Each structure stands twice: as C-alpha cells, then as structure tokens.
Amino acid sequence: MRALTAAVAAAVFAAGISVVAAATKLSPAEIQAAFFNGQTFTASTPSNIKFNMVFKPDGKVTREPQGKSGVKGEGTWKLSKDGFCTAWKGSKANCFTLISLGDNKWSVVKGSATVATWNK
C-alpha cells in the first residue's frame, strides 16, 4: 500500500511540475501578434465577469460585457519592456505580463496577482 501511495504521490508531483513548466511568459512581440490584431477574444475577471475584448493595431482597446455585469470601456494600449500597458478612459495606465496556460488560455498578471484570464 505504501508503494502505491508513493507512486501516486510521485505521479501527482510530476504532473504538477509539467503544469508549471507549461506556463510561459509571452514576450511583447508575441502578445502583439496574438492579441493586438483587431480580433475579438474573451477576458474573464477573477469574479467571472466576462468581456469581449478588442485590441486594435492602432493602439486602441475596447471591452464589452457579455452579460449584465461589468462596465463597457475604451482606452489605449502600448507594449512595455515585460508585456503591455493599458489606459482606460478616466483611469491611469497599468502594466501587465501575460502567461500562457495552454489550451488557448492566458493569465493577465500584475505583480504577483492574476487580474484576468484571456481565452481564444
């Protein structure tokens, strides 16, 4: 029984390592090519409010809530050294990194906090 438990624990540990290894930070050029091309994608907040997002090549960004929650917005984007920055109308700029989670899913990270998840 101990051998089986150790084998299961080792398999879970190994799977956890592969999940962590699969999470990679996108470069600013990769972010621009994948997302800042005028195509709509879905963004979800940690509280599961969903938006249709469009980052246009001209530096403009819009968000449209998919449901009754959330606020429609427009603003600007620019690439930064480590990722990208957005400035929504009426708010100051914030900068983020983008981490690939696999399966067409990415985490938008500010500091050590995930502030949104993007899906295509």
Protein backbone atom coordinates (compact mmCIF):
# COMPACT_ATOMS: atom_id res chain seq x y z
CA MET A 1 0.00 0.00 0.00
CA ARG A 2 2.85 2.39 0.82
CA ALA A 3 4.44 1.72 -2.55
CA LEU A 4 1.17 2.53 -4.32
CA THR A 5 0.70 5.73 -2.29
CA ALA A 6 4.28 6.80 -3.04
CA ALA A 7 3.78 6.06 -6.75
CA VAL A 8 0.57 8.14 -6.85
CA ALA A 9 2.23 10.99 -4.96
CA ALA A 10 5.18 10.89 -7.38
CA ALA A 11 2.82 10.96 -10.38
CA VAL A 12 0.89 13.93 -8.96
CA PHE A 13 4.14 15.74 -8.19
CA ALA A 14 5.44 15.07 -11.71
CA ALA A 15 2.15 16.29 -13.22
CA GLY A 16 2.39 19.47 -11.13
CA ILE A 17 5.89 20.09 -12.44
CA SER A 18 4.73 19.69 -16.04
CA VAL A 19 1.87 22.17 -15.47
CA VAL A 20 4.28 24.72 -14.03
CA ALA A 21 6.75 24.17 -16.85
CA ALA A 22 3.96 24.66 -19.42
CA ALA A 23 3.20 28.17 -18.06
CA THR A 24 5.39 30.56 -20.04
CA LYS A 25 5.54 34.33 -20.17
CA LEU A 26 4.80 35.84 -23.58
CA SER A 27 7.16 38.46 -24.98
CA PRO A 28 5.73 41.85 -26.00
CA ALA A 29 6.04 40.83 -29.69
CA GLU A 30 4.15 37.56 -29.02
CA ILE A 31 1.39 39.48 -27.20
CA GLN A 32 1.05 41.91 -30.08
CA ALA A 33 0.90 39.16 -32.71
CA ALA A 34 -1.59 37.00 -30.77
CA PHE A 35 -3.93 39.61 -29.30
CA PHE A 36 -3.34 43.16 -30.52
CA ASN A 37 -4.54 42.46 -34.06
CA GLY A 38 -8.16 43.64 -34.03
CA GLN A 39 -9.66 40.19 -33.37
CA THR A 40 -12.18 39.71 -30.56
CA PHE A 41 -11.37 37.41 -27.64
CA THR A 42 -12.87 36.77 -24.18
CA ALA A 43 -11.48 38.17 -20.94
CA SER A 44 -12.74 36.94 -17.54
CA THR A 45 -12.17 38.62 -14.19
CA PRO A 46 -11.36 36.58 -11.06
CA SER A 47 -15.07 37.01 -10.11
CA ASN A 48 -16.02 35.51 -13.53
CA ILE A 49 -17.34 38.68 -15.20
CA LYS A 50 -16.74 38.17 -18.93
CA PHE A 51 -15.92 40.73 -21.59
CA ASN A 52 -15.42 40.74 -25.35
CA MET A 53 -12.06 42.47 -25.83
CA VAL A 54 -10.61 44.02 -28.97
CA PHE A 55 -7.06 45.42 -29.07
CA LYS A 56 -6.67 47.21 -32.41
CA PRO A 57 -3.30 47.59 -34.15
CA ASP A 58 -3.64 51.41 -33.91
CA GLY A 59 -3.26 51.31 -30.10
CA LYS A 60 -6.95 51.45 -29.17
CA VAL A 61 -8.75 48.89 -26.98
CA THR A 62 -12.43 48.27 -26.24
CA ARG A 63 -14.26 45.98 -23.85
CA GLU A 64 -17.92 44.98 -23.96
CA PRO A 65 -19.54 43.00 -21.12
CA GLN A 66 -21.00 39.66 -22.22
CA GLY A 67 -23.68 39.79 -19.52
CA LYS A 68 -25.39 42.34 -17.30
CA SER A 69 -22.35 42.70 -15.01
CA GLY A 70 -19.28 44.69 -15.97
CA VAL A 71 -18.68 48.09 -17.49
CA LYS A 72 -18.17 48.87 -21.16
CA GLY A 73 -14.93 50.73 -21.77
CA GLU A 74 -12.44 52.08 -24.24
CA GLY A 75 -8.86 53.15 -23.92
CA THR A 76 -5.38 52.70 -25.31
CA TRP A 77 -2.65 50.06 -25.16
CA LYS A 78 1.10 50.00 -25.69
CA LEU A 79 3.79 47.39 -25.38
CA SER A 80 6.17 47.59 -22.43
CA LYS A 81 9.53 46.02 -21.64
CA ASP A 82 7.88 42.99 -19.97
CA GLY A 83 4.44 42.88 -21.58
CA PHE A 84 1.86 45.59 -22.18
CA CYS A 85 0.10 48.55 -20.57
CA THR A 86 -3.49 49.76 -20.86
CA ALA A 87 -5.03 53.11 -20.00
CA TRP A 88 -8.84 53.09 -19.83
CA LYS A 89 -10.65 56.42 -20.20
CA GLY A 90 -10.78 58.09 -16.81
CA SER A 91 -8.08 55.85 -15.30
CA LYS A 92 -4.30 55.84 -15.11
CA ALA A 93 -2.18 53.33 -17.04
CA ASN A 94 -1.50 49.85 -15.64
CA CYS A 95 1.09 47.40 -16.95
CA PHE A 96 0.82 43.61 -17.11
CA THR A 97 2.56 40.43 -18.18
CA LEU A 98 0.80 37.61 -20.00
CA ILE A 99 1.38 33.98 -19.02
CA SER A 100 0.37 31.09 -21.30
CA LEU A 101 -1.58 28.37 -19.50
CA GLY A 102 -2.05 26.15 -22.57
CA ASP A 103 -5.32 25.21 -24.26
CA ASN A 104 -5.86 28.75 -25.64
CA LYS A 105 -5.85 30.25 -22.13
CA TRP A 106 -3.63 33.02 -20.70
CA SER A 107 -3.32 34.76 -17.32
CA VAL A 108 -3.02 38.53 -17.21
CA VAL A 109 -0.70 39.26 -14.28
CA LYS A 110 0.06 42.50 -12.42
CA GLY A 111 2.90 41.96 -9.96
CA SER A 112 2.12 38.55 -8.47
CA ALA A 113 -1.68 38.76 -8.85
CA THR A 114 -3.72 37.33 -11.71
CA VAL A 115 -6.19 40.05 -12.68
CA ALA A 116 -7.86 38.33 -15.64
CA THR A 117 -7.88 35.26 -17.84
CA TRP A 118 -7.94 35.55 -21.63
CA ASN A 119 -9.42 32.85 -23.88
CA LYS A 120 -9.48 32.42 -27.64
